[in-house]
Amino acid sequence: MDITLFSEELFLLLQEFFNDFTYGAAYMEH
């Protein structure tokens, strides 16, 4: 298993989750 590839996949997942979370928080404020 390539740890670098796994790290990139995990980073993309976290980034996507973070974007959804920040968007949801901003949406709830307005």
N, C-alpha and C. Protein backbone atom coordinates (compact mmCIF):
# COMPACT_ATOMS: atom_id res chain seq x y z
N MET A 1 0.85 -1.20 0.00
CA MET A 1 0.00 0.00 0.00
C MET A 1 0.88 1.25 0.00
N ASP A 2 0.58 2.15 -0.90
CA ASP A 2 1.37 3.38 -1.00
C ASP A 2 0.84 4.40 0.00
N ILE A 3 1.67 4.73 0.98
CA ILE A 3 1.25 5.66 2.03
C ILE A 3 1.05 7.07 1.49
N THR A 4 1.81 7.43 0.45
CA THR A 4 1.68 8.78 -0.11
C THR A 4 0.31 8.94 -0.77
N LEU A 5 -0.08 7.94 -1.53
CA LEU A 5 -1.38 7.98 -2.20
C LEU A 5 -2.50 8.03 -1.16
N PHE A 6 -2.35 7.23 -0.11
CA PHE A 6 -3.34 7.20 0.96
C PHE A 6 -3.46 8.57 1.63
N SER A 7 -2.32 9.21 1.85
CA SER A 7 -2.31 10.53 2.48
C SER A 7 -3.02 11.55 1.62
N GLU A 8 -2.79 11.48 0.31
CA GLU A 8 -3.44 12.43 -0.60
C GLU A 8 -4.94 12.21 -0.63
N GLU A 9 -5.36 10.94 -0.65
CA GLU A 9 -6.79 10.63 -0.64
C GLU A 9 -7.44 11.14 0.65
N LEU A 10 -6.77 10.91 1.77
CA LEU A 10 -7.28 11.35 3.06
C LEU A 10 -7.36 12.87 3.12
N PHE A 11 -6.35 13.54 2.58
CA PHE A 11 -6.32 14.99 2.58
C PHE A 11 -7.48 15.54 1.75
N LEU A 12 -7.74 14.92 0.59
CA LEU A 12 -8.84 15.37 -0.25
C LEU A 12 -10.17 15.18 0.46
N LEU A 13 -10.33 14.06 1.15
CA LEU A 13 -11.56 13.80 1.89
C LEU A 13 -11.76 14.83 3.00
N LEU A 14 -10.69 15.12 3.73
CA LEU A 14 -10.77 16.11 4.80
C LEU A 14 -11.08 17.49 4.25
N GLN A 15 -10.47 17.82 3.12
CA GLN A 15 -10.70 19.12 2.50
C GLN A 15 -12.16 19.25 2.06
N GLU A 16 -12.69 18.17 1.49
CA GLU A 16 -14.08 18.18 1.04
C GLU A 16 -15.03 18.33 2.23
N PHE A 17 -14.74 17.58 3.30
CA PHE A 17 -15.55 17.65 4.50
C PHE A 17 -15.49 19.05 5.12
N PHE A 18 -14.28 19.62 5.15
CA PHE A 18 -14.09 20.95 5.72
C PHE A 18 -14.85 22.00 4.91
N ASN A 19 -14.82 21.86 3.58
CA ASN A 19 -15.54 22.80 2.72
C ASN A 19 -17.04 22.71 2.97
N ASP A 20 -17.57 21.49 3.10
CA ASP A 20 -18.99 21.30 3.37
C ASP A 20 -19.35 21.89 4.73
N PHE A 21 -18.47 21.70 5.70
CA PHE A 21 -18.72 22.18 7.05
C PHE A 21 -18.74 23.70 7.09
N THR A 22 -17.77 24.35 6.46
CA THR A 22 -17.69 25.81 6.46
C THR A 22 -18.86 26.39 5.67
N TYR A 23 -19.22 25.74 4.57
CA TYR A 23 -20.34 26.21 3.76
C TYR A 23 -21.65 26.09 4.55
N GLY A 24 -21.78 24.97 5.27
CA GLY A 24 -22.98 24.76 6.08
C GLY A 24 -23.07 25.79 7.20
N ALA A 25 -21.94 26.09 7.83
CA ALA A 25 -21.92 27.06 8.92
C ALA A 25 -22.27 28.45 8.40
N ALA A 26 -21.72 28.81 7.25
CA ALA A 26 -22.01 30.12 6.66
C ALA A 26 -23.47 30.19 6.25
N TYR A 27 -24.01 29.08 5.75
CA TYR A 27 -25.41 29.04 5.33
C TYR A 27 -26.34 29.20 6.53
N MET A 28 -25.98 28.59 7.65
CA MET A 28 -26.80 28.67 8.85
C MET A 28 -26.79 30.09 9.45
N GLU A 29 -25.70 30.81 9.25
CA GLU A 29 -25.61 32.17 9.80
C GLU A 29 -26.55 33.13 9.07
N HIS A 30 -26.78 32.89 7.79
CA HIS A 30 -27.60 33.81 7.00
C HIS A 30 -29.04 33.37 6.86
